[in-house]
Protein backbone atom coordinates (compact mmCIF):
# COMPACT_ATOMS: atom_id res chain seq x y z
CA MET A 1 30.27 47.56 -65.76
CA ARG A 2 29.09 49.47 -68.83
CA THR A 3 32.68 50.58 -69.52
CA MET A 4 34.00 46.99 -69.21
CA ILE A 5 31.43 45.68 -71.65
CA SER A 6 32.17 48.54 -74.08
CA ALA A 7 35.89 47.75 -73.93
CA THR A 8 35.28 44.03 -74.46
CA LEU A 9 32.96 44.54 -77.39
CA SER A 10 35.39 46.92 -79.07
CA ASP A 11 37.49 43.85 -79.94
CA HIS A 12 34.52 42.11 -81.64
CA ARG A 13 33.09 44.61 -84.13
CA ASP A 14 31.50 41.72 -86.04
CA ASN A 15 29.38 40.93 -82.97
CA LEU A 16 28.07 44.37 -82.11
CA PRO A 17 24.35 43.36 -81.98
CA TYR A 18 25.09 41.45 -78.79
CA GLY A 19 26.07 44.71 -77.14
CA ARG A 20 22.44 45.79 -77.31
CA MET A 21 21.40 42.40 -75.99
CA ILE A 22 23.80 42.69 -73.02
CA THR A 23 22.47 46.16 -72.35
CA VAL A 24 18.93 44.82 -72.12
CA LEU A 25 20.04 41.98 -69.87
CA LEU A 26 21.96 44.23 -67.55
CA THR A 27 18.91 46.44 -67.18
CA ARG A 28 16.50 43.55 -66.61
CA LEU A 29 18.71 41.54 -64.29
CA GLY A 30 20.18 44.43 -62.32
CA VAL A 31 23.78 43.52 -63.31
CA ASP A 32 23.53 40.42 -61.09
CA LEU A 33 24.11 37.88 -63.87
CA VAL A 34 27.16 39.37 -65.61
CA ASP A 35 29.96 39.95 -63.13
CA GLU A 36 33.71 40.46 -63.46
CA LYS A 37 34.58 36.76 -62.99
CA ILE A 38 32.25 35.57 -65.77
CA GLN A 39 33.56 38.28 -68.11
CA GLU A 40 37.15 37.41 -67.32
CA LYS A 41 36.74 33.67 -67.90
CA THR A 42 34.00 33.46 -70.52
CA PHE A 43 33.74 36.55 -72.70
CA SER A 44 36.77 35.91 -74.86
CA SER A 45 35.08 35.65 -78.24
CA PRO A 46 31.80 36.58 -79.94
CA LEU A 47 30.56 33.03 -79.47
CA ASP A 48 31.02 33.37 -75.73
CA TRP A 49 28.98 36.57 -75.77
CA GLU A 50 26.22 34.71 -77.62
CA ALA A 51 26.24 31.88 -75.07
CA ILE A 52 26.08 34.12 -72.01
CA CYS A 53 23.39 36.24 -73.65
CA LYS A 54 21.26 33.15 -74.29
CA MET A 55 21.67 32.04 -70.70
CA GLY A 56 20.83 35.49 -69.43
CA MET A 57 17.75 35.75 -71.65
CA ARG A 58 16.50 32.43 -70.38
CA ASP A 59 16.82 33.70 -66.78
CA ALA A 60 15.28 37.05 -67.71
CA GLN A 61 12.41 35.26 -69.54
CA VAL A 62 13.06 37.06 -72.87
CA SER A 63 10.90 35.66 -75.64
CA ASP A 64 12.28 34.39 -78.93
CA GLU A 65 10.72 37.35 -80.75
CA GLU A 66 12.42 39.86 -78.48
CA ARG A 67 15.72 37.99 -78.78
CA ASN A 68 15.59 37.92 -82.57
CA ALA A 69 14.62 41.58 -82.63
CA MET A 70 17.56 42.47 -80.40
CA VAL A 71 20.05 40.37 -82.36
CA ARG A 72 19.04 41.78 -85.77
CA PRO A 73 21.29 44.78 -86.49
CA TYR A 74 19.65 48.20 -86.44
CA THR A 75 20.30 50.55 -89.33
CA ARG A 76 21.46 54.09 -88.69
CA ILE A 77 18.06 55.33 -89.75
CA GLU A 78 16.40 53.08 -87.18
CA MET A 79 18.82 54.27 -84.55
CA ALA A 80 18.11 57.88 -85.43
CA ASP A 81 14.36 57.19 -85.22
CA ALA A 82 14.90 55.50 -81.85
CA GLU A 83 16.81 58.50 -80.56
CA ALA A 84 14.16 60.90 -81.76
CA ALA A 85 11.39 58.81 -80.19
CA ALA A 86 13.31 58.57 -76.93
CA ALA A 87 13.97 62.30 -76.83
CA ALA A 88 10.31 62.99 -77.52
CA ALA A 89 9.33 60.66 -74.66
CA GLY A 90 11.77 62.41 -72.36
CA ALA A 91 14.09 59.39 -71.96
CA HIS A 92 17.77 59.87 -71.31
CA VAL A 93 19.92 59.01 -74.32
CA ASP A 94 23.70 58.77 -74.13
CA PRO A 95 24.99 57.85 -77.59
CA VAL A 96 28.70 57.78 -78.40
CA ASP A 97 29.80 57.46 -82.01
CA ASP A 98 28.03 55.80 -84.94
CA ASP A 99 29.78 52.44 -84.35
CA ASP A 100 28.83 52.30 -80.66
CA ARG A 101 25.26 53.58 -80.66
CA MET A 102 24.02 50.40 -79.01
CA TYR A 103 25.43 51.72 -75.73
CA MET A 104 22.63 54.24 -75.24
CA ASP A 105 20.26 53.49 -72.38
CA VAL A 106 18.10 50.50 -73.10
CA ASP A 107 14.81 52.30 -72.47
CA ALA A 108 15.72 54.72 -75.26
CA ILE A 109 15.70 51.89 -77.89
CA PRO A 110 12.17 50.88 -78.84
CA PRO A 111 11.62 47.43 -80.40
CA PRO A 112 11.78 47.46 -84.23
CA SER A 113 8.57 48.01 -86.11
CA PRO A 114 7.08 45.20 -88.19
CA THR A 115 8.16 47.00 -91.36
CA HIS A 116 11.75 47.09 -90.12
CA ALA A 117 11.60 43.47 -88.96
CA ALA A 118 10.40 42.51 -92.50
CA GLY A 119 13.18 44.56 -94.09
CA VAL A 120 10.81 47.21 -95.59
CA GLY A 121 12.02 50.20 -93.56
CA THR A 122 13.12 53.50 -95.00
CA SER A 123 16.69 53.77 -96.18
CA SER A 124 19.02 55.99 -98.16
CA ALA A 125 22.00 55.56 -100.43
CA ALA A 126 24.35 56.83 -97.75
CA ASP A 127 22.96 54.46 -95.15
CA PRO A 128 22.08 51.15 -96.83
CA VAL A 129 20.34 48.46 -94.84
CA PRO A 130 22.78 45.63 -94.23
CA GLU A 131 21.83 42.43 -95.93
CA ALA A 132 20.60 39.67 -93.65
CA GLY A 133 23.29 36.98 -93.55
CA PRO A 134 22.82 33.34 -92.71
CA SER A 135 23.35 33.95 -89.02
CA HIS A 136 20.64 36.61 -88.94
CA ALA A 137 18.22 34.60 -90.96
CA ALA A 138 18.50 31.53 -88.80
CA GLY A 139 18.97 33.39 -85.50
CA PRO A 140 21.97 33.10 -83.18
CA SER A 141 24.10 30.02 -83.54
CA ARG A 142 23.87 27.49 -80.75
CA PRO A 143 26.90 27.53 -78.44
CA PRO A 144 29.04 24.41 -78.29
CA PRO A 145 28.33 21.90 -75.52
CA ASP A 146 31.63 22.56 -73.77
CA MET A 147 30.71 26.24 -73.48
CA MET A 148 27.38 25.44 -71.83
CA GLU A 149 29.14 22.94 -69.55
CA MET A 150 31.60 25.60 -68.53
CA LEU A 151 28.82 28.05 -67.81
CA GLN A 152 27.05 25.40 -65.75
CA GLU A 153 30.26 24.78 -63.81
CA ILE A 154 30.57 28.52 -63.18
CA ARG A 155 27.01 28.62 -61.87
CA GLU A 156 27.63 25.60 -59.64
CA ALA A 157 30.85 27.13 -58.27
CA GLN A 158 28.97 30.36 -57.57
CA ARG A 159 26.26 28.44 -55.75
CA ARG A 160 28.81 26.58 -53.63
CA SER A 161 30.55 29.85 -52.93
CA ASP A 162 27.26 31.41 -51.78
CA LEU A 163 26.57 28.43 -49.51
CA ARG A 164 30.03 28.64 -48.06
CA MET A 165 29.63 32.35 -47.50
CA GLU A 166 26.36 31.72 -45.61
CA GLU A 167 28.08 29.14 -43.41
CA LEU A 168 30.89 31.55 -42.66
CA LEU A 169 28.39 34.30 -41.81
CA ASP A 170 26.44 31.97 -39.51
CA ALA A 171 29.67 30.89 -37.77
CA GLN A 172 30.71 34.52 -37.44
CA ARG A 173 27.37 35.46 -35.93
CA VAL A 174 27.66 32.60 -33.41
CA ARG A 175 31.21 33.71 -32.54
CA VAL A 176 30.11 37.30 -32.11
CA ASP A 177 27.31 36.16 -29.75
CA GLU A 178 29.83 34.14 -27.70
CA LEU A 179 32.20 37.10 -27.50
CA LEU A 180 29.36 39.38 -26.42
CA ALA A 181 28.34 36.91 -23.68
CA ALA A 182 31.94 36.64 -22.51
CA GLN A 183 32.16 40.42 -22.49
CA ARG A 184 29.04 40.68 -20.34
CA ILE A 185 30.49 38.17 -17.86
CA SER A 186 33.78 40.03 -17.84
CA ASP A 187 31.95 43.32 -17.16
CA THR A 188 30.09 41.65 -14.28
CA TRP A 189 33.32 40.38 -12.75
CA MET A 190 34.94 43.75 -13.23
CA GLY A 191 32.07 45.41 -11.34
CA GLU A 192 32.44 42.95 -8.46
CA LEU A 193 36.21 43.47 -8.38
CA ILE A 194 35.68 47.24 -8.27
CA GLU A 195 33.34 46.86 -5.28
CA VAL A 196 35.89 44.63 -3.49
CA GLN A 197 38.59 47.19 -4.22
CA ARG A 198 36.47 49.97 -2.74
CA ALA A 199 35.77 47.93 0.36
CA THR A 200 39.48 47.18 0.71
CA ASP A 201 40.31 50.87 0.36
CA ARG A 202 37.78 51.71 3.10
CA ARG A 203 39.28 49.02 5.35
CA VAL A 204 42.82 50.28 4.78
CA ALA A 205 41.67 53.79 5.63
CA ASP A 206 40.15 52.56 8.89
CA LEU A 207 43.31 50.63 9.79
CA THR A 208 45.43 53.66 9.01
CA ALA A 209 43.33 55.81 11.29
CA SER A 210 43.48 53.16 14.02
CA LEU A 211 47.27 52.88 13.67
CA GLN A 212 47.62 56.63 13.95
CA THR A 213 45.50 56.59 17.14
CA THR A 214 47.68 53.82 18.56
CA LYS A 215 50.83 55.75 17.80
CA THR A 216 49.40 58.76 19.56
CA GLN A 217 48.52 56.65 22.60
CA ILE A 218 52.01 55.07 22.69
CA ALA A 219 53.62 58.49 22.50
CA TRP A 220 51.41 59.72 25.37
CA LEU A 221 52.21 56.66 27.51
CA THR A 222 55.92 57.00 26.80
CA ARG A 223 55.88 60.61 27.90
CA VAL A 224 53.93 59.81 31.05
CA PHE A 225 56.23 56.90 31.90
CA ALA A 226 59.30 59.07 31.41
CA GLU A 227 57.90 61.79 33.66
CA ASP A 228 57.03 59.22 36.36
CA TYR A 229 60.46 57.63 36.09
CA ASP A 230 62.29 60.91 36.47
CA ARG A 231 60.14 61.82 39.41
CA ASP A 232 60.76 58.42 41.08
CA ARG A 233 64.52 58.68 40.59
CA GLU A 234 64.64 62.04 42.28
CA ALA A 235 62.45 60.87 45.22
CA PRO A 236 64.04 58.99 48.24
CA CYS A 237 63.80 55.23 48.23
CA HIS A 238 60.71 53.94 50.03
CA THR A 239 61.10 50.27 49.14
CA PRO A 240 59.37 48.17 51.85
CA ILE A 241 62.18 45.61 51.77
CA PRO A 242 64.03 45.16 55.01
CA HIS A 243 67.49 46.66 54.98
CA CYS A 244 66.69 48.21 51.61
CA SER A 245 68.93 51.15 52.18
CA GLU A 246 71.85 48.89 52.85
CA TRP A 247 71.14 46.87 49.70
CA CYS A 248 70.80 49.95 47.55
CA ASP A 249 73.97 51.50 48.90
CA GLU A 250 76.09 48.66 47.71
CA PRO A 251 77.84 49.64 44.45
CA LEU A 252 77.04 46.46 42.58
CA ASN A 253 73.37 46.54 43.49
CA LYS A 254 73.10 50.21 42.62
CA GLN A 255 74.60 49.61 39.19
CA ARG A 256 72.23 46.71 38.53
CA LEU A 257 69.27 48.80 39.62
CA ASN A 258 70.19 51.61 37.29
CA GLN A 259 70.50 49.23 34.37
CA ASP A 260 67.08 47.75 35.07
CA LEU A 261 65.53 51.21 35.22
CA LYS A 262 67.05 52.14 31.91
């Protein structure tokens, strides 16, 4: 965010005091106010910077005195004094070049002294104090109404977006709860199906063992029947039917009897 602001301000050297103002706002507001969308749509000119700074200061409850002190350009001597005071206090200072010294950490820039505010500060021939122009004497110019209307529209769109996001999050939470409930029901059904499958496996194992026993019994009965049949065929006929021997001796009856026995 600091890099983006630095790159944007590099195109507006005549508006460099607002860089210090934005630094203060970013520190006070936690970079919640100035985001990429607002920069992309709004910060296209120094006047836009002034409008967004005023809006941010109102939200951050910056007094008029603080605002005027931040807008008034610092001289190089004041900046050097601020760096020395910050270094003595142990604050972290990250200056760049002379034209971009407002990008040092905001806590390293103390408010200007009354003598500086009145234009009585120390100066040198190499570093003259810039003359206070009309914009500095009267404070920041008021942004046009269309700019404030656009900023209000951006805020309203952001508010609607936040409400829509909350609705989507609520719907997502409800959907997740439904999916979790369905998953619990599915897990219950799966447990019951597993128990049924285990019972079926046990029943199949019992039936397989019973079938094997039946096969063994059939084989035993078949062997016993075959042994009895062979023994009966070799034994003489003792059928208690009258004239049995005569009936059995007939070729047709003997053939029919053999077929029945087979």
